[in-house]
């Protein structure tokens, strides 16, 4: 039915995770504190923020809330265009 370019999706996820981690560092919040605030396992969160695990949408939104940052901050024109290509728009 639909074909997705998984490599591109992974790249977007990795870039978003790294950007989230940069915001975390800018705020001075530790991974342990961020994990506590979002109710996540510290080790899993570390793997997510370092691109070794996929970040789920619910994790992304929880991280944004905990870091008090707008999720739209992480969406790039390239991401939008990639999604549009994948869905045929």
PDB file of N, CA and C in Angstrom:
ATOM      1  N   UNK A   1       0.835  -1.181   0.000  1.00  0.00           N
ATOM      2  CA  UNK A   1       0.000   0.000   0.000  1.00  0.00           C
ATOM      3  C   UNK A   1       0.882   1.248   0.000  1.00  0.00           C
ATOM      4  N   UNK A   2       1.265   1.731   1.180  1.00  0.00           N
ATOM      5  CA  UNK A   2       2.152   2.893   1.249  1.00  0.00           C
ATOM      6  C   UNK A   2       3.575   2.411   1.376  1.00  0.00           C
ATOM      7  N   UNK A   3       4.485   3.116   0.760  1.00  0.00           N
ATOM      8  CA  UNK A   3       5.895   2.805   0.929  1.00  0.00           C
ATOM      9  C   UNK A   3       6.546   3.959   1.670  1.00  0.00           C
ATOM     10  N   UNK A   4       7.252   3.611   2.721  1.00  0.00           N
ATOM     11  CA  UNK A   4       7.937   4.623   3.509  1.00  0.00           C
ATOM     12  C   UNK A   4       9.435   4.424   3.381  1.00  0.00           C
ATOM     13  N   UNK A   5      10.132   5.506   3.265  1.00  0.00           N
ATOM     14  CA  UNK A   5      11.582   5.479   3.256  1.00  0.00           C
ATOM     15  C   UNK A   5      12.033   5.470   4.715  1.00  0.00           C
ATOM     16  N   UNK A   6      12.259   4.281   5.270  1.00  0.00           N
ATOM     17  CA  UNK A   6      12.573   4.145   6.682  1.00  0.00           C
ATOM     18  C   UNK A   6      13.873   4.856   7.054  1.00  0.00           C
ATOM     19  N   UNK A   7      14.815   4.927   6.156  1.00  0.00           N
ATOM     20  CA  UNK A   7      16.064   5.609   6.452  1.00  0.00           C
ATOM     21  C   UNK A   7      15.807   7.087   6.750  1.00  0.00           C
ATOM     22  N   UNK A   8      14.960   7.721   5.952  1.00  0.00           N
ATOM     23  CA  UNK A   8      14.641   9.129   6.173  1.00  0.00           C
ATOM     24  C   UNK A   8      13.887   9.336   7.471  1.00  0.00           C
ATOM     25  N   UNK A   9      12.952   8.441   7.764  1.00  0.00           N
ATOM     26  CA  UNK A   9      12.214   8.539   9.012  1.00  0.00           C
ATOM     27  C   UNK A   9      13.179   8.423  10.178  1.00  0.00           C
ATOM     28  N   UNK A  10      14.112   7.490  10.100  1.00  0.00           N
ATOM     29  CA  UNK A  10      15.100   7.329  11.168  1.00  0.00           C
ATOM     30  C   UNK A  10      15.953   8.588  11.305  1.00  0.00           C
ATOM     31  N   UNK A  11      16.358   9.158  10.178  1.00  0.00           N
ATOM     32  CA  UNK A  11      17.164  10.386  10.225  1.00  0.00           C
ATOM     33  C   UNK A  11      16.412  11.509  10.924  1.00  0.00           C
ATOM     34  N   UNK A  12      15.135  11.679  10.592  1.00  0.00           N
ATOM     35  CA  UNK A  12      14.325  12.717  11.231  1.00  0.00           C
ATOM     36  C   UNK A  12      14.243  12.465  12.732  1.00  0.00           C
ATOM     37  N   UNK A  13      14.034  11.216  13.119  1.00  0.00           N
ATOM     38  CA  UNK A  13      13.917  10.857  14.531  1.00  0.00           C
ATOM     39  C   UNK A  13      15.229  11.155  15.246  1.00  0.00           C
ATOM     40  N   UNK A  14      16.347  10.767  14.635  1.00  0.00           N
ATOM     41  CA  UNK A  14      17.661  10.989  15.237  1.00  0.00           C
ATOM     42  C   UNK A  14      17.927  12.486  15.404  1.00  0.00           C
ATOM     43  N   UNK A  15      17.649  13.258  14.357  1.00  0.00           N
ATOM     44  CA  UNK A  15      17.867  14.709  14.429  1.00  0.00           C
ATOM     45  C   UNK A  15      17.015  15.345  15.524  1.00  0.00           C
ATOM     46  N   UNK A  16      15.773  14.921  15.614  1.00  0.00           N
ATOM     47  CA  UNK A  16      14.878  15.463  16.633  1.00  0.00           C
ATOM     48  C   UNK A  16      15.368  15.096  18.027  1.00  0.00           C
ATOM     49  N   UNK A  17      15.803  13.867  18.202  1.00  0.00           N
ATOM     50  CA  UNK A  17      16.315  13.422  19.508  1.00  0.00           C
ATOM     51  C   UNK A  17      17.543  14.242  19.904  1.00  0.00           C
ATOM     52  N   UNK A  18      18.442  14.466  18.962  1.00  0.00           N
ATOM     53  CA  UNK A  18      19.645  15.251  19.269  1.00  0.00           C
ATOM     54  C   UNK A  18      19.277  16.700  19.607  1.00  0.00           C
ATOM     55  N   UNK A  19      18.303  17.260  18.902  1.00  0.00           N
ATOM     56  CA  UNK A  19      17.871  18.622  19.198  1.00  0.00           C
ATOM     57  C   UNK A  19      17.242  18.697  20.585  1.00  0.00           C
ATOM     58  N   UNK A  20      16.438  17.695  20.933  1.00  0.00           N
ATOM     59  CA  UNK A  20      15.846  17.642  22.278  1.00  0.00           C
ATOM     60  C   UNK A  20      16.949  17.576  23.330  1.00  0.00           C
ATOM     61  N   UNK A  21      17.958  16.771  23.057  1.00  0.00           N
ATOM     62  CA  UNK A  21      19.057  16.645  24.012  1.00  0.00           C
ATOM     63  C   UNK A  21      19.810  17.961  24.141  1.00  0.00           C
ATOM     64  N   UNK A  22      19.975  18.677  23.046  1.00  0.00           N
ATOM     65  CA  UNK A  22      20.638  19.991  23.109  1.00  0.00           C
ATOM     66  C   UNK A  22      19.839  20.971  23.959  1.00  0.00           C
ATOM     67  N   UNK A  23      18.510  20.962  23.812  1.00  0.00           N
ATOM     68  CA  UNK A  23      17.669  21.838  24.632  1.00  0.00           C
ATOM     69  C   UNK A  23      17.798  21.434  26.097  1.00  0.00           C
ATOM     70  N   UNK A  24      17.803  20.137  26.355  1.00  0.00           N
ATOM     71  CA  UNK A  24      17.965  19.644  27.730  1.00  0.00           C
ATOM     72  C   UNK A  24      19.259  20.175  28.328  1.00  0.00           C
ATOM     73  N   UNK A  25      20.335  20.084  27.571  1.00  0.00           N
ATOM     74  CA  UNK A  25      21.633  20.563  28.048  1.00  0.00           C
ATOM     75  C   UNK A  25      21.620  22.069  28.278  1.00  0.00           C
ATOM     76  N   UNK A  26      20.964  22.818  27.360  1.00  0.00           N
ATOM     77  CA  UNK A  26      20.878  24.283  27.506  1.00  0.00           C
ATOM     78  C   UNK A  26      20.165  24.673  28.797  1.00  0.00           C
ATOM     79  N   UNK A  27      19.173  23.885  29.185  1.00  0.00           N
ATOM     80  CA  UNK A  27      18.428  24.193  30.407  1.00  0.00           C
ATOM     81  C   UNK A  27      19.166  23.738  31.658  1.00  0.00           C
ATOM     82  N   UNK A  28      20.214  22.928  31.472  1.00  0.00           N
ATOM     83  CA  UNK A  28      20.961  22.415  32.608  1.00  0.00           C
ATOM     84  C   UNK A  28      20.296  21.235  33.303  1.00  0.00           C
ATOM     85  N   UNK A  29      19.307  20.645  32.648  1.00  0.00           N
ATOM     86  CA  UNK A  29      18.591  19.526  33.243  1.00  0.00           C
ATOM     87  C   UNK A  29      19.332  18.218  32.950  1.00  0.00           C
ATOM     88  N   UNK A  30      19.476  17.404  33.969  1.00  0.00           N
ATOM     89  CA  UNK A  30      20.122  16.104  33.776  1.00  0.00           C
ATOM     90  C   UNK A  30      19.156  15.129  33.114  1.00  0.00           C
ATOM     91  N   UNK A  31      19.702  14.085  32.527  1.00  0.00           N
ATOM     92  CA  UNK A  31      18.855  13.038  31.952  1.00  0.00           C
ATOM     93  C   UNK A  31      18.018  12.402  33.053  1.00  0.00           C
ATOM     94  N   UNK A  32      18.609  12.220  34.225  1.00  0.00           N
ATOM     95  CA  UNK A  32      17.867  11.628  35.343  1.00  0.00           C
ATOM     96  C   UNK A  32      16.661  12.487  35.722  1.00  0.00           C
ATOM     97  N   UNK A  33      16.842  13.808  35.773  1.00  0.00           N
ATOM     98  CA  UNK A  33      15.737  14.698  36.118  1.00  0.00           C
ATOM     99  C   UNK A  33      14.671  14.704  35.027  1.00  0.00           C
ATOM    100  N   UNK A  34      15.095  14.742  33.764  1.00  0.00           N
ATOM    101  CA  UNK A  34      14.132  14.708  32.665  1.00  0.00           C
ATOM    102  C   UNK A  34      13.351  13.394  32.696  1.00  0.00           C
ATOM    103  N   UNK A  35      14.035  12.296  32.916  1.00  0.00           N
ATOM    104  CA  UNK A  35      13.368  10.992  32.997  1.00  0.00           C
ATOM    105  C   UNK A  35      12.349  10.983  34.133  1.00  0.00           C
ATOM    106  N   UNK A  36      12.711  11.548  35.270  1.00  0.00           N
ATOM    107  CA  UNK A  36      11.790  11.607  36.406  1.00  0.00           C
ATOM    108  C   UNK A  36      10.552  12.426  36.055  1.00  0.00           C
ATOM    109  N   UNK A  37      10.767  13.550  35.394  1.00  0.00           N
ATOM    110  CA  UNK A  37       9.643  14.438  35.065  1.00  0.00           C
ATOM    111  C   UNK A  37       8.675  13.823  34.060  1.00  0.00           C
ATOM    112  N   UNK A  38       9.183  12.994  33.158  1.00  0.00           N
ATOM    113  CA  UNK A  38       8.290  12.401  32.154  1.00  0.00           C
ATOM    114  C   UNK A  38       7.876  10.974  32.527  1.00  0.00           C
ATOM    115  N   UNK A  39       8.381  10.482  33.632  1.00  0.00           N
ATOM    116  CA  UNK A  39       8.005   9.142  34.072  1.00  0.00           C
ATOM    117  C   UNK A  39       8.599   8.036  33.218  1.00  0.00           C
ATOM    118  N   UNK A  40       9.827   8.259  32.759  1.00  0.00           N
ATOM    119  CA  UNK A  40      10.493   7.290  31.885  1.00  0.00           C
ATOM    120  C   UNK A  40      11.708   6.680  32.582  1.00  0.00           C
ATOM    121  N   UNK A  41      12.124   5.546  32.081  1.00  0.00           N
ATOM    122  CA  UNK A  41      13.341   4.915  32.558  1.00  0.00           C
ATOM    123  C   UNK A  41      14.539   5.741  32.079  1.00  0.00           C
ATOM    124  N   UNK A  42      15.438   6.056  32.989  1.00  0.00           N
ATOM    125  CA  UNK A  42      16.597   6.904  32.672  1.00  0.00           C
ATOM    126  C   UNK A  42      17.453   6.294  31.564  1.00  0.00           C
ATOM    127  N   UNK A  43      17.670   5.002  31.619  1.00  0.00           N
ATOM    128  CA  UNK A  43      18.523   4.344  30.622  1.00  0.00           C
ATOM    129  C   UNK A  43      17.879   4.393  29.235  1.00  0.00           C
ATOM    130  N   UNK A  44      16.566   4.134  29.163  1.00  0.00           N
ATOM    131  CA  UNK A  44      15.877   4.209  27.865  1.00  0.00           C
ATOM    132  C   UNK A  44      15.953   5.630  27.318  1.00  0.00           C
ATOM    133  N   UNK A  45      15.715   6.620  28.182  1.00  0.00           N
ATOM    134  CA  UNK A  45      15.772   8.005  27.730  1.00  0.00           C
ATOM    135  C   UNK A  45      17.156   8.346  27.196  1.00  0.00           C
ATOM    136  N   UNK A  46      18.200   7.877  27.870  1.00  0.00           N
ATOM    137  CA  UNK A  46      19.553   8.124  27.386  1.00  0.00           C
ATOM    138  C   UNK A  46      19.728   7.537  25.986  1.00  0.00           C
ATOM    139  N   UNK A  47      19.257   6.302  25.788  1.00  0.00           N
ATOM    140  CA  UNK A  47      19.353   5.665  24.469  1.00  0.00           C
ATOM    141  C   UNK A  47      18.576   6.459  23.412  1.00  0.00           C
ATOM    142  N   UNK A  48      17.399   6.938  23.771  1.00  0.00           N
ATOM    143  CA  UNK A  48      16.588   7.726  22.834  1.00  0.00           C
ATOM    144  C   UNK A  48      17.313   9.010  22.447  1.00  0.00           C
ATOM    145  N   UNK A  49      17.796   9.739  23.438  1.00  0.00           N
ATOM    146  CA  UNK A  49      18.440  11.025  23.167  1.00  0.00           C
ATOM    147  C   UNK A  49      19.771  10.886  22.436  1.00  0.00           C
ATOM    148  N   UNK A  50      20.344   9.705  22.481  1.00  0.00           N
ATOM    149  CA  UNK A  50      21.598   9.460  21.769  1.00  0.00           C
ATOM    150  C   UNK A  50      21.399   8.690  20.473  1.00  0.00           C
ATOM    151  N   UNK A  51      20.140   8.591  20.025  1.00  0.00           N
ATOM    152  CA  UNK A  51      19.841   8.007  18.724  1.00  0.00           C
ATOM    153  C   UNK A  51      19.953   6.504  18.649  1.00  0.00           C
ATOM    154  N   UNK A  52      20.015   5.825  19.782  1.00  0.00           N
ATOM    155  CA  UNK A  52      20.142   4.378  19.775  1.00  0.00           C
ATOM    156  C   UNK A  52      18.799   3.665  19.908  1.00  0.00           C
ATOM    157  N   UNK A  53      17.751   4.409  20.199  1.00  0.00           N
ATOM    158  CA  UNK A  53      16.382   3.898  20.247  1.00  0.00           C
ATOM    159  C   UNK A  53      15.485   4.923  19.576  1.00  0.00           C
ATOM    160  N   UNK A  54      14.426   4.446  18.939  1.00  0.00           N
ATOM    161  CA  UNK A  54      13.463   5.349  18.317  1.00  0.00           C
ATOM    162  C   UNK A  54      12.676   6.092  19.387  1.00  0.00           C
ATOM    163  N   UNK A  55      12.452   7.366  19.163  1.00  0.00           N
ATOM    164  CA  UNK A  55      11.642   8.161  20.081  1.00  0.00           C
ATOM    165  C   UNK A  55      10.189   8.052  19.649  1.00  0.00           C
ATOM    166  N   UNK A  56       9.328   7.658  20.587  1.00  0.00           N
ATOM    167  CA  UNK A  56       7.901   7.583  20.308  1.00  0.00           C
ATOM    168  C   UNK A  56       7.300   8.989  20.366  1.00  0.00           C
ATOM    169  N   UNK A  57       6.163   9.153  19.722  1.00  0.00           N
ATOM    170  CA  UNK A  57       5.501  10.460  19.703  1.00  0.00           C
ATOM    171  C   UNK A  57       5.150  10.905  21.117  1.00  0.00           C
ATOM    172  N   UNK A  58       4.635   9.987  21.943  1.00  0.00           N
ATOM    173  CA  UNK A  58       4.270  10.376  23.307  1.00  0.00           C
ATOM    174  C   UNK A  58       5.499  10.805  24.106  1.00  0.00           C
ATOM    175  N   UNK A  59       6.634  10.146  23.892  1.00  0.00           N
ATOM    176  CA  UNK A  59       7.869  10.553  24.573  1.00  0.00           C
ATOM    177  C   UNK A  59       8.293  11.944  24.117  1.00  0.00           C
ATOM    178  N   UNK A  60       8.214  12.178  22.809  1.00  0.00           N
ATOM    179  CA  UNK A  60       8.589  13.471  22.258  1.00  0.00           C
ATOM    180  C   UNK A  60       7.764  14.594  22.890  1.00  0.00           C
ATOM    181  N   UNK A  61       6.451  14.400  22.946  1.00  0.00           N
ATOM    182  CA  UNK A  61       5.587  15.433  23.513  1.00  0.00           C
ATOM    183  C   UNK A  61       5.845  15.625  25.004  1.00  0.00           C
ATOM    184  N   UNK A  62       6.063  14.545  25.734  1.00  0.00           N
ATOM    185  CA  UNK A  62       6.373  14.653  27.160  1.00  0.00           C
ATOM    186  C   UNK A  62       7.687  15.396  27.379  1.00  0.00           C
ATOM    187  N   UNK A  63       8.677  15.108  26.554  1.00  0.00           N
ATOM    188  CA  UNK A  63       9.966  15.799  26.653  1.00  0.00           C
ATOM    189  C   UNK A  63       9.784  17.290  26.395  1.00  0.00           C
ATOM    190  N   UNK A  64       9.022  17.632  25.355  1.00  0.00           N
ATOM    191  CA  UNK A  64       8.781  19.043  25.042  1.00  0.00           C
ATOM    192  C   UNK A  64       8.101  19.749  26.198  1.00  0.00           C
ATOM    193  N   UNK A  65       7.122  19.103  26.803  1.00  0.00           N
ATOM    194  CA  UNK A  65       6.421  19.707  27.941  1.00  0.00           C
ATOM    195  C   UNK A  65       7.378  19.897  29.108  1.00  0.00           C
ATOM    196  N   UNK A  66       8.161  18.865  29.410  1.00  0.00           N
ATOM    197  CA  UNK A  66       9.102  18.944  30.536  1.00  0.00           C
ATOM    198  C   UNK A  66      10.164  20.018  30.308  1.00  0.00           C
ATOM    199  N   UNK A  67      10.564  20.198  29.053  1.00  0.00           N
ATOM    200  CA  UNK A  67      11.578  21.204  28.727  1.00  0.00           C
ATOM    201  C   UNK A  67      10.964  22.580  28.452  1.00  0.00           C
ATOM    202  N   UNK A  68       9.643  22.648  28.526  1.00  0.00           N
ATOM    203  CA  UNK A  68       8.906  23.889  28.280  1.00  0.00           C
ATOM    204  C   UNK A  68       9.260  24.501  26.934  1.00  0.00           C
ATOM    205  N   UNK A  69       9.189  23.651  25.917  1.00  0.00           N
ATOM    206  CA  UNK A  69       9.497  24.112  24.568  1.00  0.00           C
ATOM    207  C   UNK A  69       8.400  23.651  23.618  1.00  0.00           C
ATOM    208  N   UNK A  70       8.151  24.438  22.602  1.00  0.00           N
ATOM    209  CA  UNK A  70       7.110  24.154  21.615  1.00  0.00           C
ATOM    210  C   UNK A  70       7.592  23.033  20.685  1.00  0.00           C
ATOM    211  N   UNK A  71       6.803  21.971  20.518  1.00  0.00           N
ATOM    212  CA  UNK A  71       7.201  20.867  19.632  1.00  0.00           C
ATOM    213  C   UNK A  71       7.463  21.319  18.194  1.00  0.00           C
ATOM    214  N   UNK A  72       6.806  22.380  17.768  1.00  0.00           N
ATOM    215  CA  UNK A  72       7.006  22.870  16.393  1.00  0.00           C
ATOM    216  C   UNK A  72       8.426  23.357  16.154  1.00  0.00           C
ATOM    217  N   UNK A  73       9.122  23.638  17.218  1.00  0.00           N
ATOM    218  CA  UNK A  73      10.514  24.086  17.129  1.00  0.00           C
ATOM    219  C   UNK A  73      11.391  23.066  16.403  1.00  0.00           C
ATOM    220  N   UNK A  74      11.022  21.798  16.476  1.00  0.00           N
ATOM    221  CA  UNK A  74      11.849  20.720  15.946  1.00  0.00           C
ATOM    222  C   UNK A  74      11.460  20.284  14.540  1.00  0.00           C
ATOM    223  N   UNK A  75      10.393  20.842  14.004  1.00  0.00           N
ATOM    224  CA  UNK A  75       9.924  20.441  12.678  1.00  0.00           C
ATOM    225  C   UNK A  75      10.580  21.328  11.631  1.00  0.00           C
ATOM    226  N   UNK A  76      11.241  20.686  10.693  1.00  0.00           N
ATOM    227  CA  UNK A  76      11.947  21.424   9.644  1.00  0.00           C
ATOM    228  C   UNK A  76      11.175  21.341   8.332  1.00  0.00           C
ATOM    229  N   UNK A  77      11.476  22.242   7.428  1.00  0.00           N
ATOM    230  CA  UNK A  77      10.882  22.228   6.088  1.00  0.00           C
ATOM    231  C   UNK A  77      11.205  20.899   5.409  1.00  0.00           C
ATOM    232  N   UNK A  78      12.417  20.389   5.589  1.00  0.00           N
ATOM    233  CA  UNK A  78      12.815  19.126   4.976  1.00  0.00           C
ATOM    234  C   UNK A  78      11.959  17.963   5.491  1.00  0.00           C
ATOM    235  N   UNK A  79      11.633  17.975   6.771  1.00  0.00           N
ATOM    236  CA  UNK A  79      10.788  16.921   7.330  1.00  0.00           C
ATOM    237  C   UNK A  79       9.398  16.962   6.699  1.00  0.00           C
ATOM    238  N   UNK A  80       8.845  18.166   6.579  1.00  0.00           N
ATOM    239  CA  UNK A  80       7.515  18.323   5.981  1.00  0.00           C
ATOM    240  C   UNK A  80       7.527  17.846   4.538  1.00  0.00           C
ATOM    241  N   UNK A  81       8.540  18.251   3.789  1.00  0.00           N
ATOM    242  CA  UNK A  81       8.630  17.850   2.380  1.00  0.00           C
ATOM    243  C   UNK A  81       8.805  16.338   2.247  1.00  0.00           C
ATOM    244  N   UNK A  82       9.588  15.738   3.141  1.00  0.00           N
ATOM    245  CA  UNK A  82       9.777  14.287   3.121  1.00  0.00           C
ATOM    246  C   UNK A  82       8.484  13.544   3.369  1.00  0.00           C
ATOM    247  N   UNK A  83       7.698  14.015   4.318  1.00  0.00           N
ATOM    248  CA  UNK A  83       6.401  13.387   4.592  1.00  0.00           C
ATOM    249  C   UNK A  83       5.483  13.560   3.401  1.00  0.00           C
ATOM    250  N   UNK A  84       5.461  14.746   2.817  1.00  0.00           N
ATOM    251  CA  UNK A  84       4.621  14.997   1.659  1.00  0.00           C
ATOM    252  C   UNK A  84       4.993  14.073   0.503  1.00  0.00           C
ATOM    253  N   UNK A  85       6.279  13.855   0.289  1.00  0.00           N
ATOM    254  CA  UNK A  85       6.713  12.925  -0.773  1.00  0.00           C
ATOM    255  C   UNK A  85       6.244  11.507  -0.477  1.00  0.00           C
ATOM    256  N   UNK A  86       6.368  11.113   0.793  1.00  0.00           N
ATOM    257  CA  UNK A  86       6.007   9.739   1.154  1.00  0.00           C
ATOM    258  C   UNK A  86       4.510   9.479   1.020  1.00  0.00           C
ATOM    259  N   UNK A  87       3.692  10.506   1.234  1.00  0.00           N
ATOM    260  CA  UNK A  87       2.253  10.288   1.132  1.00  0.00           C
ATOM    261  C   UNK A  87       1.698  10.722  -0.222  1.00  0.00           C
ATOM    262  N   UNK A  88       2.578  11.163  -1.107  1.00  0.00           N
ATOM    263  CA  UNK A  88       2.180  11.484  -2.466  1.00  0.00           C
ATOM    264  C   UNK A  88       1.510  12.827  -2.640  1.00  0.00           C
ATOM    265  N   UNK A  89       1.863  13.791  -1.837  1.00  0.00           N
ATOM    266  CA  UNK A  89       1.292  15.145  -1.978  1.00  0.00           C
ATOM    267  C   UNK A  89       2.275  16.073  -2.604  1.00  0.00           C
TER     268      UNK A  89
END
